[in-house]
Amino acid sequence: MLFHITAKHDHETCPGKDAGPNGPAAVEFQRWMEGNDDVKVLGVYGYNVSHKIFGIVESEDMQAVTNLLRPQMFAGDVEVLPVMDSIAVRKSSGNWGK
């Protein structure tokens, strides 16, 4: 199952505020991007000016996604939405290219 993630924090809770984007807090904060055995991260896209990040992950278990994103939840709002691959659906239905 695919999930779309939107995570947002502010300038006060930003893990990069003290030591920058390569500081230990920021590096650890972004570890979720590597995924784990239960969650495959397909893509992560940032809008750093707004302290916002978007991601697409794949997992059979919503709780596994929640566990992976737990550090994000302490810094700001996190939204996780189940989504479907609409291109794959269009192709499998035989409507691609029509």
Protein backbone atom coordinates (compact mmCIF):
# COMPACT_ATOMS: atom_id res chain seq x y z
CA MET A 1 0.00 0.00 0.00
CA LEU A 2 1.25 3.48 -0.86
CA PHE A 3 1.17 6.41 1.57
CA HIS A 4 1.70 10.12 0.93
CA ILE A 5 3.44 11.94 3.77
CA THR A 6 3.44 15.65 4.50
CA ALA A 7 5.55 16.69 7.49
CA LYS A 8 5.94 20.27 8.66
CA HIS A 9 7.78 21.87 11.53
CA ASP A 10 8.62 25.52 12.16
CA HIS A 11 11.80 27.53 12.62
CA GLU A 12 11.73 26.96 16.38
CA THR A 13 11.47 23.16 16.20
CA CYS A 14 13.78 22.79 13.18
CA PRO A 15 16.52 20.27 13.98
CA GLY A 16 18.93 22.24 11.79
CA LYS A 17 18.58 25.52 13.67
CA ASP A 18 21.61 25.05 15.92
CA ALA A 19 24.23 23.17 13.89
CA GLY A 20 22.85 23.50 10.36
CA PRO A 21 21.51 20.92 7.93
CA ASN A 22 24.47 18.57 8.45
CA GLY A 23 24.49 18.81 12.23
CA PRO A 24 23.82 15.68 14.28
CA ALA A 25 20.21 16.61 15.13
CA ALA A 26 19.28 17.24 11.49
CA VAL A 27 21.04 14.09 10.26
CA GLU A 28 19.20 11.95 12.82
CA PHE A 29 15.90 13.72 12.12
CA GLN A 30 16.12 12.74 8.44
CA ARG A 31 17.05 9.10 9.07
CA TRP A 32 13.48 8.02 8.27
CA MET A 33 14.21 8.79 4.60
CA GLU A 34 16.24 5.57 4.44
CA GLY A 35 13.20 3.50 5.36
CA ASN A 36 13.50 0.17 7.17
CA ASP A 37 12.51 -3.48 6.78
CA ASP A 38 8.79 -2.60 7.05
CA VAL A 39 8.64 0.65 5.07
CA LYS A 40 10.15 1.31 1.64
CA VAL A 41 10.69 5.00 0.92
CA LEU A 42 10.02 5.66 -2.78
CA GLY A 43 10.66 9.39 -2.81
CA VAL A 44 11.14 12.41 -0.56
CA TYR A 45 10.84 16.01 -1.72
CA GLY A 46 11.53 19.07 0.40
CA TYR A 47 10.33 22.63 0.45
CA ASN A 48 12.93 23.83 2.91
CA VAL A 49 11.88 27.50 2.91
CA SER A 50 8.61 26.41 4.52
CA HIS A 51 10.17 23.65 6.67
CA LYS A 52 7.94 21.17 4.85
CA ILE A 53 8.69 17.78 3.33
CA PHE A 54 6.67 15.41 1.17
CA GLY A 55 7.23 11.71 0.75
CA ILE A 56 5.82 8.59 -0.85
CA VAL A 57 6.35 5.33 1.02
CA GLU A 58 5.19 1.77 0.58
CA SER A 59 4.19 -0.54 3.43
CA GLU A 60 1.66 -3.20 4.30
CA ASP A 61 1.24 -1.71 7.76
CA MET A 62 0.13 1.82 8.70
CA GLN A 63 1.59 1.35 12.19
CA ALA A 64 5.01 0.68 10.64
CA VAL A 65 4.78 4.02 8.81
CA THR A 66 3.73 5.73 12.04
CA ASN A 67 6.65 4.19 13.92
CA LEU A 68 9.11 5.31 11.24
CA LEU A 69 7.83 8.89 11.42
CA ARG A 70 7.61 9.19 15.21
CA PRO A 71 10.54 11.66 15.50
CA GLN A 72 8.81 13.91 12.94
CA MET A 73 5.66 13.94 15.06
CA PHE A 74 7.46 15.56 17.98
CA ALA A 75 8.64 18.49 15.82
CA GLY A 76 5.42 19.43 14.04
CA ASP A 77 2.43 18.26 12.06
CA VAL A 78 2.60 15.02 10.11
CA GLU A 79 -0.09 13.80 7.73
CA VAL A 80 -0.05 10.26 6.35
CA LEU A 81 -2.62 9.45 3.66
CA PRO A 82 -3.16 6.15 1.87
CA VAL A 83 -3.04 6.73 -1.87
CA MET A 84 -3.20 4.68 -5.05
CA ASP A 85 -1.00 4.72 -8.12
CA SER A 86 -3.42 6.24 -10.62
CA ILE A 87 -1.04 5.76 -13.55
CA ALA A 88 -0.81 2.02 -12.81
CA VAL A 89 -4.60 1.83 -12.53
CA ARG A 90 -5.05 3.60 -15.88
CA LYS A 91 -2.50 1.32 -17.55
CA SER A 92 -3.96 -1.88 -16.07
CA SER A 93 -7.44 -0.89 -17.16
CA GLY A 94 -6.23 -0.59 -20.77
CA ASN A 95 -6.85 3.14 -21.02
CA TRP A 96 -3.23 4.29 -21.27
CA GLY A 97 -2.59 6.16 -24.50
CA LYS A 98 -6.25 6.48 -25.44
